[in-house]
């Protein structure tokens, strides 16, 4: 039996990634779905991750700062 759908929730972590939880679809700039098998993912906000769109923790090294 499949779990009921849960709405997507996006949390902006201070000086860190956007964490997406729940049912969501991520698409690239052409509208093509980006494959993910997880119900929780961390998206890069600093722009320096080597595995974009996913966060790899590089924001800690670069000193990325966010207002939120």
N, C-alpha and C. Protein backbone atom coordinates (compact mmCIF):
# COMPACT_ATOMS: atom_id res chain seq x y z
N UNK A 1 0.84 -1.19 0.00
CA UNK A 1 0.00 0.00 0.00
C UNK A 1 0.88 1.24 0.00
N UNK A 2 0.56 2.19 -0.83
CA UNK A 2 1.34 3.42 -0.96
C UNK A 2 0.92 4.42 0.11
N UNK A 3 1.91 5.18 0.61
CA UNK A 3 1.63 6.23 1.59
C UNK A 3 0.82 7.34 0.95
N UNK A 4 -0.08 7.99 1.72
CA UNK A 4 -0.82 9.11 1.16
C UNK A 4 0.12 10.26 0.79
N UNK A 5 -0.27 11.04 -0.20
CA UNK A 5 0.54 12.17 -0.64
C UNK A 5 0.63 13.22 0.45
N UNK A 6 1.81 13.79 0.60
CA UNK A 6 1.99 14.89 1.55
C UNK A 6 2.45 16.10 0.76
N UNK A 7 1.91 17.27 1.08
CA UNK A 7 2.29 18.46 0.31
C UNK A 7 3.77 18.76 0.45
N UNK A 8 4.34 19.31 -0.58
CA UNK A 8 5.75 19.70 -0.55
C UNK A 8 5.93 20.85 0.44
N UNK A 9 7.03 20.80 1.16
CA UNK A 9 7.39 21.88 2.08
C UNK A 9 8.84 22.23 1.82
N UNK A 10 9.12 23.53 1.64
CA UNK A 10 10.47 23.99 1.36
C UNK A 10 10.94 24.85 2.52
N UNK A 11 12.09 24.47 3.09
CA UNK A 11 12.66 25.20 4.21
C UNK A 11 14.00 25.78 3.79
N UNK A 12 14.14 27.11 3.93
CA UNK A 12 15.41 27.78 3.63
C UNK A 12 16.23 27.80 4.91
N UNK A 13 17.35 27.10 4.90
CA UNK A 13 18.22 27.07 6.07
C UNK A 13 19.19 28.24 6.02
N UNK A 14 19.34 28.95 7.12
CA UNK A 14 20.24 30.11 7.14
C UNK A 14 21.64 29.72 6.64
N UNK A 15 22.13 30.47 5.69
CA UNK A 15 23.48 30.25 5.13
C UNK A 15 23.65 28.84 4.58
N UNK A 16 22.56 28.21 4.18
CA UNK A 16 22.63 26.84 3.67
C UNK A 16 21.63 26.59 2.56
N UNK A 17 21.29 25.32 2.35
CA UNK A 17 20.46 24.94 1.22
C UNK A 17 18.97 25.18 1.45
N UNK A 18 18.22 24.94 0.39
CA UNK A 18 16.77 24.82 0.48
C UNK A 18 16.49 23.33 0.65
N UNK A 19 15.79 22.95 1.69
CA UNK A 19 15.45 21.55 1.91
C UNK A 19 14.00 21.35 1.52
N UNK A 20 13.77 20.41 0.61
CA UNK A 20 12.44 20.13 0.09
C UNK A 20 12.01 18.77 0.62
N UNK A 21 10.82 18.75 1.23
CA UNK A 21 10.28 17.50 1.79
C UNK A 21 8.87 17.28 1.25
N UNK A 22 8.47 16.02 1.14
CA UNK A 22 7.11 15.70 0.72
C UNK A 22 7.06 15.27 -0.72
N UNK A 23 5.89 15.43 -1.33
CA UNK A 23 5.70 15.07 -2.73
C UNK A 23 6.02 16.27 -3.60
N UNK A 24 6.99 16.11 -4.48
CA UNK A 24 7.43 17.21 -5.33
C UNK A 24 8.01 16.66 -6.60
N UNK A 25 8.12 17.52 -7.59
CA UNK A 25 8.82 17.19 -8.82
C UNK A 25 9.76 18.35 -9.11
N UNK A 26 10.99 18.05 -9.41
CA UNK A 26 11.96 19.06 -9.80
C UNK A 26 12.22 18.88 -11.29
N UNK A 27 12.15 20.00 -12.01
CA UNK A 27 12.38 19.96 -13.45
C UNK A 27 13.52 20.91 -13.81
N UNK A 28 14.20 20.61 -14.91
CA UNK A 28 15.29 21.48 -15.34
C UNK A 28 14.72 22.65 -16.13
N UNK A 29 15.61 23.49 -16.69
CA UNK A 29 15.18 24.69 -17.38
C UNK A 29 14.34 24.42 -18.62
N UNK A 30 14.37 23.18 -19.11
CA UNK A 30 13.57 22.81 -20.27
C UNK A 30 12.31 22.04 -19.89
N UNK A 31 12.07 21.92 -18.59
CA UNK A 31 10.88 21.23 -18.12
C UNK A 31 11.02 19.73 -18.00
N UNK A 32 12.23 19.24 -18.17
CA UNK A 32 12.48 17.80 -18.06
C UNK A 32 12.67 17.44 -16.59
N UNK A 33 11.92 16.44 -16.10
CA UNK A 33 12.07 16.06 -14.69
C UNK A 33 13.50 15.63 -14.35
N UNK A 34 13.97 16.07 -13.18
CA UNK A 34 15.28 15.67 -12.66
C UNK A 34 15.02 14.49 -11.74
N UNK A 35 15.67 13.38 -12.01
CA UNK A 35 15.41 12.15 -11.28
C UNK A 35 15.88 12.26 -9.83
N UNK A 36 15.01 11.85 -8.92
CA UNK A 36 15.36 11.73 -7.52
C UNK A 36 14.54 10.60 -6.92
N UNK A 37 15.15 9.83 -6.06
CA UNK A 37 14.44 8.73 -5.43
C UNK A 37 14.13 9.02 -3.96
N UNK A 38 14.45 10.22 -3.52
CA UNK A 38 14.25 10.58 -2.11
C UNK A 38 13.04 11.48 -1.94
N UNK A 39 12.45 11.43 -0.76
CA UNK A 39 11.33 12.31 -0.42
C UNK A 39 11.82 13.59 0.23
N UNK A 40 13.11 13.66 0.51
CA UNK A 40 13.72 14.87 1.06
C UNK A 40 15.02 15.11 0.30
N UNK A 41 15.18 16.34 -0.22
CA UNK A 41 16.40 16.70 -0.94
C UNK A 41 16.85 18.09 -0.49
N UNK A 42 18.14 18.36 -0.64
CA UNK A 42 18.71 19.67 -0.33
C UNK A 42 19.19 20.29 -1.64
N UNK A 43 18.65 21.47 -1.94
CA UNK A 43 19.00 22.17 -3.18
C UNK A 43 20.02 23.27 -2.90
N UNK A 44 21.01 23.35 -3.76
CA UNK A 44 22.07 24.36 -3.63
C UNK A 44 21.53 25.77 -3.79
N UNK A 45 21.95 26.67 -2.91
CA UNK A 45 21.64 28.10 -3.05
C UNK A 45 22.90 28.92 -3.29
N UNK A 46 24.07 28.37 -2.97
CA UNK A 46 25.29 29.16 -3.08
C UNK A 46 25.81 29.22 -4.52
N UNK A 47 25.40 28.26 -5.36
CA UNK A 47 25.83 28.24 -6.75
C UNK A 47 27.17 27.58 -6.98
N UNK A 48 27.78 26.99 -5.95
CA UNK A 48 29.12 26.44 -6.10
C UNK A 48 29.15 24.91 -6.00
N UNK A 49 28.04 24.28 -5.67
CA UNK A 49 27.99 22.83 -5.53
C UNK A 49 28.47 22.14 -6.79
N UNK A 50 29.21 21.06 -6.62
CA UNK A 50 29.69 20.27 -7.77
C UNK A 50 28.61 19.31 -8.26
N UNK A 51 27.51 19.18 -7.53
CA UNK A 51 26.46 18.24 -7.91
C UNK A 51 25.10 18.95 -8.07
N UNK A 52 25.12 20.19 -8.56
CA UNK A 52 23.89 20.96 -8.74
C UNK A 52 22.86 20.15 -9.52
N UNK A 53 21.62 20.21 -9.18
CA UNK A 53 20.99 21.18 -8.29
C UNK A 53 21.11 20.82 -6.81
N UNK A 54 21.75 19.72 -6.49
CA UNK A 54 21.83 19.25 -5.11
C UNK A 54 22.94 19.97 -4.34
N UNK A 55 22.75 20.12 -3.07
CA UNK A 55 23.74 20.72 -2.19
C UNK A 55 24.80 19.68 -1.83
N UNK A 56 26.07 20.07 -1.88
CA UNK A 56 27.15 19.17 -1.46
C UNK A 56 27.92 19.72 -0.26
N UNK A 57 27.39 20.78 0.36
CA UNK A 57 28.04 21.34 1.55
C UNK A 57 29.09 22.40 1.26
N UNK A 58 29.33 22.70 -0.02
CA UNK A 58 30.36 23.67 -0.38
C UNK A 58 30.10 25.05 0.22
N UNK A 59 28.85 25.37 0.50
CA UNK A 59 28.52 26.68 1.07
C UNK A 59 29.28 26.94 2.37
N UNK A 60 29.61 25.89 3.10
CA UNK A 60 30.35 26.04 4.35
C UNK A 60 31.78 26.52 4.08
N UNK A 61 32.38 26.00 3.00
CA UNK A 61 33.76 26.35 2.65
C UNK A 61 33.85 27.76 2.07
N UNK A 62 32.85 28.14 1.29
CA UNK A 62 32.89 29.42 0.59
C UNK A 62 32.41 30.58 1.46
N UNK A 63 31.80 30.27 2.59
CA UNK A 63 31.30 31.32 3.46
C UNK A 63 30.00 31.93 2.96
N UNK A 64 29.22 31.16 2.21
CA UNK A 64 27.95 31.64 1.68
C UNK A 64 27.09 32.21 2.81
N UNK A 65 26.49 33.36 2.54
CA UNK A 65 25.62 34.00 3.53
C UNK A 65 24.28 34.33 2.87
N UNK A 66 23.22 34.01 3.57
CA UNK A 66 21.88 34.34 3.08
C UNK A 66 21.18 35.27 4.05
N UNK A 67 20.24 36.04 3.53
CA UNK A 67 19.45 36.90 4.40
C UNK A 67 18.36 36.11 5.12
N UNK A 68 18.01 34.97 4.59
CA UNK A 68 16.98 34.11 5.17
C UNK A 68 17.44 32.69 5.19
